[in-house]
Amino acid sequence: MRADRVEVSWDTDKSKWLIRIQNGEEVIRRHCDSPKNADDQTLRVAVQKTVEDEGFELDLANIDIRH
């Protein structure tokens, strides 16, 4: 199943990156432990692993990274 939208942003409350996977009405939220200053490539790898762990496919070009 392909995720409709994936967004990653810094969660200041938890001091971790928050990954939001949206598929239709469903939104799955997961945190990852990459450092705050992680580059885009590092975040893309973490997002891809998280999305695949949740059973979704992902087009890496469709990741919205919000610094």
Protein backbone atom coordinates (compact mmCIF):
# COMPACT_ATOMS: atom_id res chain seq x y z
CA MET A 1 0.00 0.00 0.00
CA ARG A 2 1.37 3.42 -0.92
CA ALA A 3 1.33 6.28 1.60
CA ASP A 4 -0.52 9.36 0.30
CA ARG A 5 1.71 11.81 2.12
CA VAL A 6 4.68 11.70 4.47
CA GLU A 7 5.91 14.66 6.49
CA VAL A 8 8.79 14.92 8.93
CA SER A 9 9.24 17.81 11.35
CA TRP A 10 11.05 18.54 14.60
CA ASP A 11 8.90 17.93 17.69
CA THR A 12 10.19 20.44 20.26
CA ASP A 13 8.22 18.83 23.11
CA LYS A 14 9.90 15.44 22.67
CA SER A 15 13.17 16.71 21.12
CA LYS A 16 12.81 14.13 18.34
CA TRP A 17 11.82 14.10 14.69
CA LEU A 18 8.12 13.36 14.17
CA ILE A 19 7.17 11.37 11.08
CA ARG A 20 3.54 11.64 9.94
CA ILE A 21 2.35 9.01 7.48
CA GLN A 22 -0.99 9.82 5.89
CA ASN A 23 -3.06 7.30 3.99
CA GLY A 24 -6.55 8.60 3.27
CA GLU A 25 -8.11 9.63 6.59
CA GLU A 26 -5.61 7.61 8.63
CA VAL A 27 -2.55 9.38 10.08
CA ILE A 28 0.20 7.41 11.79
CA ARG A 29 2.71 9.33 13.92
CA ARG A 30 6.12 7.92 14.80
CA HIS A 31 9.23 9.51 16.29
CA CYS A 32 12.81 8.87 15.22
CA ASP A 33 16.02 9.48 17.15
CA SER A 34 18.01 11.29 14.45
CA PRO A 35 19.76 14.39 15.81
CA LYS A 36 18.13 17.78 15.33
CA ASN A 37 20.88 18.84 12.91
CA ALA A 38 20.46 15.72 10.72
CA ASP A 39 20.77 16.37 7.00
CA ASP A 40 17.96 15.65 4.55
CA GLN A 41 19.51 12.38 3.35
CA THR A 42 19.71 11.01 6.91
CA LEU A 43 16.08 11.95 7.51
CA ARG A 44 14.97 10.38 4.23
CA VAL A 45 16.61 7.07 5.22
CA ALA A 46 14.95 7.14 8.66
CA VAL A 47 11.58 8.01 7.11
CA GLN A 48 11.85 5.25 4.52
CA LYS A 49 12.59 2.63 7.19
CA THR A 50 9.72 3.84 9.38
CA VAL A 51 7.24 3.87 6.49
CA GLU A 52 8.27 0.38 5.41
CA ASP A 53 8.02 -0.87 9.02
CA GLU A 54 4.42 0.37 9.02
CA GLY A 55 3.70 -1.63 5.84
CA PHE A 56 3.63 1.22 3.33
CA GLU A 57 5.53 2.00 0.16
CA LEU A 58 7.01 5.44 -0.38
CA ASP A 59 8.26 7.59 -3.23
CA LEU A 60 11.27 9.34 -1.65
CA ALA A 61 10.60 12.45 -3.74
CA ASN A 62 7.27 12.92 -1.93
CA ILE A 63 8.70 13.40 1.58
CA ASP A 64 8.00 16.85 3.03
CA ILE A 65 10.87 17.76 5.38
CA ARG A 66 10.20 20.75 7.60
CA HIS A 67 13.27 22.07 9.42
